[in-house]
N, C-alpha and C. Protein backbone atom coordinates (compact mmCIF):
# COMPACT_ATOMS: atom_id res chain seq x y z
N MET A 1 0.86 -1.17 0.00
CA MET A 1 0.00 0.00 0.00
C MET A 1 0.90 1.23 0.00
N PRO A 2 0.96 1.97 -1.10
CA PRO A 2 1.78 3.17 -1.12
C PRO A 2 1.19 4.25 -0.23
N HIS A 3 2.06 5.02 0.37
CA HIS A 3 1.57 6.13 1.20
C HIS A 3 1.03 7.21 0.28
N ASP A 4 -0.05 7.84 0.72
CA ASP A 4 -0.70 8.89 -0.08
C ASP A 4 -0.44 10.26 0.50
N ALA A 5 0.56 10.38 1.34
CA ALA A 5 0.85 11.67 1.96
C ALA A 5 1.25 12.69 0.90
N VAL A 6 0.84 13.89 1.13
CA VAL A 6 1.12 14.98 0.21
C VAL A 6 2.18 15.88 0.82
N VAL A 7 3.17 16.24 0.04
CA VAL A 7 4.17 17.19 0.52
C VAL A 7 3.53 18.56 0.44
N ARG A 8 3.32 19.16 1.59
CA ARG A 8 2.63 20.44 1.66
C ARG A 8 3.63 21.59 1.66
N PRO A 9 3.24 22.72 1.09
CA PRO A 9 4.15 23.87 1.11
C PRO A 9 4.33 24.40 2.53
N VAL A 10 5.50 24.92 2.78
CA VAL A 10 5.79 25.52 4.08
C VAL A 10 5.15 26.90 4.13
N PRO A 11 4.35 27.18 5.17
CA PRO A 11 3.77 28.52 5.28
C PRO A 11 4.86 29.59 5.32
N ASN A 12 4.60 30.73 4.74
CA ASN A 12 5.58 31.82 4.69
C ASN A 12 6.03 32.28 6.06
N ASP A 13 5.14 32.19 7.05
CA ASP A 13 5.48 32.69 8.38
C ASP A 13 6.00 31.59 9.32
N ALA A 14 6.31 30.43 8.79
CA ALA A 14 6.79 29.32 9.62
C ALA A 14 8.19 29.61 10.15
N PRO A 15 8.43 29.29 11.43
CA PRO A 15 9.78 29.44 11.97
C PRO A 15 10.74 28.45 11.30
N GLU A 16 12.01 28.71 11.44
CA GLU A 16 13.02 27.79 10.91
C GLU A 16 12.90 26.44 11.63
N PRO A 17 13.20 25.34 10.92
CA PRO A 17 13.16 24.03 11.58
C PRO A 17 14.25 23.91 12.64
N LEU A 18 14.00 23.06 13.62
CA LEU A 18 15.01 22.73 14.61
C LEU A 18 16.11 21.92 13.91
N PRO A 19 17.29 21.82 14.52
CA PRO A 19 18.39 21.08 13.87
C PRO A 19 18.00 19.65 13.50
N GLU A 20 18.41 19.27 12.30
CA GLU A 20 18.10 17.94 11.77
C GLU A 20 19.19 17.55 10.78
N PRO A 21 19.33 16.25 10.50
CA PRO A 21 20.33 15.85 9.51
C PRO A 21 19.91 16.27 8.10
N THR A 22 20.88 16.56 7.26
CA THR A 22 20.61 16.84 5.86
C THR A 22 20.23 15.52 5.18
N ILE A 23 19.74 15.60 3.94
CA ILE A 23 19.40 14.38 3.22
C ILE A 23 20.62 13.47 3.11
N ALA A 24 21.77 14.03 2.79
CA ALA A 24 22.99 13.23 2.65
C ALA A 24 23.42 12.59 3.96
N GLU A 25 23.05 13.18 5.09
CA GLU A 25 23.43 12.65 6.40
C GLU A 25 22.47 11.59 6.92
N LEU A 26 21.33 11.39 6.27
CA LEU A 26 20.37 10.37 6.71
C LEU A 26 21.01 8.99 6.57
N ARG A 27 20.95 8.22 7.66
CA ARG A 27 21.54 6.87 7.67
C ARG A 27 20.46 5.86 7.97
N LEU A 28 20.40 4.82 7.17
CA LEU A 28 19.34 3.84 7.30
C LEU A 28 19.29 3.21 8.68
N GLU A 29 20.45 2.87 9.25
CA GLU A 29 20.44 2.21 10.56
C GLU A 29 19.92 3.15 11.65
N VAL A 30 20.15 4.44 11.52
CA VAL A 30 19.64 5.41 12.49
C VAL A 30 18.13 5.59 12.33
N VAL A 31 17.68 5.69 11.09
CA VAL A 31 16.25 5.81 10.82
C VAL A 31 15.51 4.57 11.33
N MET A 32 16.04 3.39 11.02
CA MET A 32 15.39 2.15 11.47
C MET A 32 15.41 2.03 12.99
N GLY A 33 16.49 2.48 13.62
CA GLY A 33 16.53 2.48 15.08
C GLY A 33 15.45 3.37 15.68
N ALA A 34 15.23 4.53 15.07
CA ALA A 34 14.19 5.44 15.57
C ALA A 34 12.80 4.84 15.37
N LEU A 35 12.64 4.03 14.35
CA LEU A 35 11.33 3.41 14.08
C LEU A 35 11.14 2.08 14.82
N SER A 36 12.09 1.71 15.67
CA SER A 36 12.07 0.37 16.29
C SER A 36 11.07 0.21 17.43
N THR A 37 10.40 1.29 17.83
CA THR A 37 9.36 1.14 18.86
C THR A 37 8.00 1.37 18.23
N PRO A 38 6.98 0.62 18.64
CA PRO A 38 5.65 0.81 18.08
C PRO A 38 5.12 2.24 18.25
N LEU A 39 5.47 2.91 19.35
CA LEU A 39 5.01 4.27 19.56
C LEU A 39 5.55 5.21 18.48
N ARG A 40 6.84 5.14 18.22
CA ARG A 40 7.43 6.02 17.21
C ARG A 40 6.95 5.66 15.80
N MET A 41 6.86 4.38 15.52
CA MET A 41 6.35 3.96 14.22
C MET A 41 4.92 4.48 14.04
N GLY A 42 4.14 4.42 15.11
CA GLY A 42 2.77 4.91 15.06
C GLY A 42 2.68 6.41 14.84
N ILE A 43 3.59 7.16 15.45
CA ILE A 43 3.61 8.61 15.26
C ILE A 43 3.84 8.94 13.79
N VAL A 44 4.86 8.32 13.20
CA VAL A 44 5.19 8.59 11.80
C VAL A 44 4.04 8.13 10.90
N ARG A 45 3.50 6.96 11.17
CA ARG A 45 2.38 6.45 10.36
C ARG A 45 1.17 7.38 10.45
N THR A 46 0.85 7.83 11.64
CA THR A 46 -0.28 8.74 11.82
C THR A 46 -0.07 10.03 11.05
N LEU A 47 1.13 10.58 11.13
CA LEU A 47 1.42 11.81 10.37
C LEU A 47 1.28 11.58 8.87
N LEU A 48 1.69 10.40 8.41
CA LEU A 48 1.59 10.10 6.99
C LEU A 48 0.14 9.94 6.52
N LEU A 49 -0.65 9.22 7.30
CA LEU A 49 -1.98 8.81 6.85
C LEU A 49 -3.12 9.73 7.26
N GLU A 50 -2.97 10.42 8.38
CA GLU A 50 -4.11 11.16 8.91
C GLU A 50 -3.91 12.66 8.98
N SER A 51 -2.75 13.13 8.68
CA SER A 51 -2.46 14.55 8.79
C SER A 51 -2.97 15.30 7.58
N THR A 52 -3.75 16.34 7.83
CA THR A 52 -4.22 17.20 6.74
C THR A 52 -3.65 18.60 6.88
N GLU A 53 -2.93 18.84 7.93
CA GLU A 53 -2.33 20.15 8.19
C GLU A 53 -0.84 20.08 7.93
N PHE A 54 -0.18 21.24 7.95
CA PHE A 54 1.26 21.29 7.73
C PHE A 54 2.01 20.53 8.83
N ASP A 55 1.64 20.77 10.06
CA ASP A 55 2.31 20.09 11.16
C ASP A 55 1.42 20.06 12.39
N HIS A 56 1.78 19.20 13.34
CA HIS A 56 0.95 18.98 14.52
C HIS A 56 1.78 18.98 15.80
N THR A 57 1.12 19.36 16.88
CA THR A 57 1.76 19.31 18.20
C THR A 57 1.68 17.88 18.74
N CYS A 58 2.48 17.59 19.75
CA CYS A 58 2.46 16.27 20.38
C CYS A 58 1.07 15.93 20.91
N GLY A 59 0.38 16.93 21.47
CA GLY A 59 -0.94 16.70 22.05
C GLY A 59 -1.99 16.28 21.04
N TRP A 60 -1.80 16.61 19.77
CA TRP A 60 -2.74 16.24 18.72
C TRP A 60 -2.90 14.73 18.61
N PHE A 61 -1.86 13.98 18.97
CA PHE A 61 -1.86 12.54 18.80
C PHE A 61 -2.69 11.81 19.84
N GLY A 62 -2.94 12.41 21.00
CA GLY A 62 -3.70 11.76 22.05
C GLY A 62 -3.07 10.45 22.50
N LEU A 63 -1.78 10.45 22.72
CA LEU A 63 -1.06 9.22 23.03
C LEU A 63 -1.10 8.83 24.50
N GLY A 64 -1.53 9.72 25.36
CA GLY A 64 -1.62 9.38 26.78
C GLY A 64 -0.28 9.11 27.43
N GLN A 65 0.76 9.72 26.94
CA GLN A 65 2.11 9.57 27.50
C GLN A 65 2.49 10.86 28.20
N PRO A 66 3.36 10.80 29.21
CA PRO A 66 3.84 12.03 29.83
C PRO A 66 4.56 12.90 28.80
N LYS A 67 4.47 14.21 28.99
CA LYS A 67 5.09 15.14 28.05
C LYS A 67 6.58 14.88 27.89
N SER A 68 7.26 14.57 28.98
CA SER A 68 8.71 14.32 28.91
C SER A 68 9.01 13.10 28.05
N SER A 69 8.18 12.08 28.14
CA SER A 69 8.36 10.88 27.32
C SER A 69 8.13 11.20 25.84
N LEU A 70 7.09 11.96 25.55
CA LEU A 70 6.80 12.34 24.16
C LEU A 70 7.92 13.21 23.60
N THR A 71 8.43 14.12 24.41
CA THR A 71 9.54 14.97 23.97
C THR A 71 10.71 14.10 23.54
N HIS A 72 11.02 13.09 24.34
CA HIS A 72 12.11 12.16 24.02
C HIS A 72 11.87 11.45 22.68
N HIS A 73 10.66 10.93 22.48
CA HIS A 73 10.35 10.18 21.27
C HIS A 73 10.37 11.07 20.03
N PHE A 74 9.79 12.26 20.14
CA PHE A 74 9.78 13.18 19.01
C PHE A 74 11.20 13.66 18.68
N ARG A 75 12.02 13.88 19.71
CA ARG A 75 13.41 14.28 19.46
C ARG A 75 14.16 13.15 18.75
N ALA A 76 13.94 11.90 19.15
CA ALA A 76 14.60 10.77 18.49
C ALA A 76 14.20 10.69 17.02
N LEU A 77 12.94 10.93 16.72
CA LEU A 77 12.48 10.92 15.33
C LEU A 77 13.10 12.07 14.54
N ARG A 78 13.19 13.25 15.16
CA ARG A 78 13.78 14.41 14.47
C ARG A 78 15.27 14.20 14.25
N GLU A 79 15.99 13.76 15.27
CA GLU A 79 17.43 13.59 15.14
C GLU A 79 17.79 12.48 14.15
N ALA A 80 16.89 11.52 13.97
CA ALA A 80 17.11 10.47 12.97
C ALA A 80 16.80 10.97 11.56
N GLY A 81 16.06 12.08 11.47
CA GLY A 81 15.72 12.65 10.18
C GLY A 81 14.36 12.28 9.65
N LEU A 82 13.53 11.63 10.48
CA LEU A 82 12.20 11.23 10.03
C LEU A 82 11.19 12.37 10.03
N ILE A 83 11.29 13.24 11.01
CA ILE A 83 10.33 14.34 11.09
C ILE A 83 11.08 15.67 11.13
N ARG A 84 10.37 16.70 10.76
CA ARG A 84 10.87 18.08 10.87
C ARG A 84 10.04 18.73 11.95
N GLN A 85 10.68 19.45 12.85
CA GLN A 85 9.98 20.16 13.92
C GLN A 85 10.30 21.64 13.85
N ARG A 86 9.28 22.42 14.16
CA ARG A 86 9.41 23.87 14.25
C ARG A 86 8.85 24.31 15.60
N GLN A 87 9.48 25.31 16.18
CA GLN A 87 9.07 25.83 17.47
C GLN A 87 8.12 27.01 17.25
N TYR A 88 6.89 26.88 17.72
CA TYR A 88 5.89 27.95 17.66
C TYR A 88 5.61 28.36 19.11
N GLY A 89 6.26 29.41 19.59
CA GLY A 89 6.07 29.81 20.98
C GLY A 89 6.53 28.70 21.91
N LEU A 90 5.60 28.18 22.71
CA LEU A 90 5.94 27.13 23.67
C LEU A 90 5.73 25.72 23.14
N GLU A 91 5.24 25.59 21.92
CA GLU A 91 4.97 24.26 21.40
C GLU A 91 5.79 23.96 20.15
N ARG A 92 6.08 22.67 19.99
CA ARG A 92 6.77 22.20 18.79
C ARG A 92 5.76 21.46 17.93
N ARG A 93 5.83 21.72 16.64
CA ARG A 93 4.95 21.05 15.69
C ARG A 93 5.80 20.21 14.75
N SER A 94 5.24 19.10 14.32
CA SER A 94 6.02 18.12 13.56
C SER A 94 5.31 17.70 12.28
N HIS A 95 6.10 17.32 11.30
CA HIS A 95 5.60 16.64 10.12
C HIS A 95 6.70 15.74 9.56
N VAL A 96 6.31 14.75 8.77
CA VAL A 96 7.25 13.80 8.20
C VAL A 96 8.01 14.47 7.05
N ARG A 97 9.27 14.20 6.95
CA ARG A 97 10.11 14.71 5.85
C ARG A 97 9.92 13.81 4.63
N ILE A 98 8.75 13.85 4.04
CA ILE A 98 8.36 12.93 2.98
C ILE A 98 9.31 12.98 1.79
N ALA A 99 9.50 14.14 1.21
CA ALA A 99 10.33 14.25 0.01
C ALA A 99 11.77 13.79 0.29
N ASP A 100 12.31 14.18 1.43
CA ASP A 100 13.69 13.81 1.78
C ASP A 100 13.83 12.30 1.94
N LEU A 101 12.88 11.68 2.65
CA LEU A 101 12.96 10.23 2.90
C LEU A 101 12.68 9.44 1.63
N ASP A 102 11.73 9.90 0.82
CA ASP A 102 11.47 9.21 -0.45
C ASP A 102 12.69 9.28 -1.37
N GLN A 103 13.41 10.38 -1.33
CA GLN A 103 14.61 10.51 -2.15
C GLN A 103 15.73 9.60 -1.66
N ARG A 104 15.94 9.59 -0.36
CA ARG A 104 17.07 8.85 0.22
C ARG A 104 16.79 7.35 0.35
N PHE A 105 15.56 7.01 0.77
CA PHE A 105 15.18 5.61 1.02
C PHE A 105 13.85 5.30 0.33
N PRO A 106 13.84 5.17 -0.99
CA PRO A 106 12.59 4.92 -1.71
C PRO A 106 11.87 3.69 -1.16
N GLY A 107 10.58 3.84 -0.92
CA GLY A 107 9.76 2.73 -0.43
C GLY A 107 9.64 2.63 1.07
N LEU A 108 10.52 3.28 1.82
CA LEU A 108 10.49 3.18 3.28
C LEU A 108 9.16 3.68 3.83
N LEU A 109 8.70 4.84 3.39
CA LEU A 109 7.46 5.38 3.94
C LEU A 109 6.25 4.54 3.53
N ASP A 110 6.33 3.85 2.39
CA ASP A 110 5.25 2.94 2.02
C ASP A 110 5.15 1.80 3.05
N LEU A 111 6.30 1.31 3.50
CA LEU A 111 6.31 0.25 4.52
C LEU A 111 5.74 0.76 5.85
N VAL A 112 6.11 1.97 6.22
CA VAL A 112 5.59 2.55 7.47
C VAL A 112 4.07 2.72 7.36
N ALA A 113 3.59 3.21 6.22
CA ALA A 113 2.16 3.43 6.03
C ALA A 113 1.38 2.11 6.07
N ALA A 114 2.00 1.03 5.58
CA ALA A 114 1.32 -0.27 5.53
C ALA A 114 1.40 -1.02 6.86
N TRP A 115 2.24 -0.57 7.78
CA TRP A 115 2.43 -1.22 9.07
C TRP A 115 1.16 -1.16 9.89
N SER A 116 0.87 -2.23 10.62
CA SER A 116 -0.28 -2.27 11.53
C SER A 116 0.22 -2.32 12.96
N PRO A 117 -0.31 -1.44 13.83
CA PRO A 117 0.12 -1.47 15.23
C PRO A 117 -0.23 -2.81 15.87
N PRO A 118 0.59 -3.25 16.83
CA PRO A 118 0.28 -4.51 17.51
C PRO A 118 -1.04 -4.42 18.27
N ALA A 119 -1.77 -5.50 18.28
CA ALA A 119 -3.04 -5.55 19.03
C ALA A 119 -2.72 -5.48 20.52
N GLY A 120 -3.58 -4.81 21.21
CA GLY A 120 -3.31 -4.77 22.65
C GLY A 120 -3.90 -3.63 23.24
């Protein structure tokens, strides 16, 4: 099942992204390590399949995790190069780096989109 995510234009008033690896710096083992937990895989999958906005805050996901835990998971995804985050006042908003990941690792996001969370 190919992912149907759309690469959306960056709003003109968007803040600069937080530090992240360039496309050339993306490493498959780092990306796969960041996706190795069902929570992180679910975050990326949700952003791919259900996001209609440019980016979303951690609270949008309704994950029921402590803020400090979510901060850790979102930072791991950003530092691996899976998501781009921007700071809007006191909140960080995220979206998947679709074009970058499709260029560097063709088919990876299709696998993430087709993944099913474990029952439980």
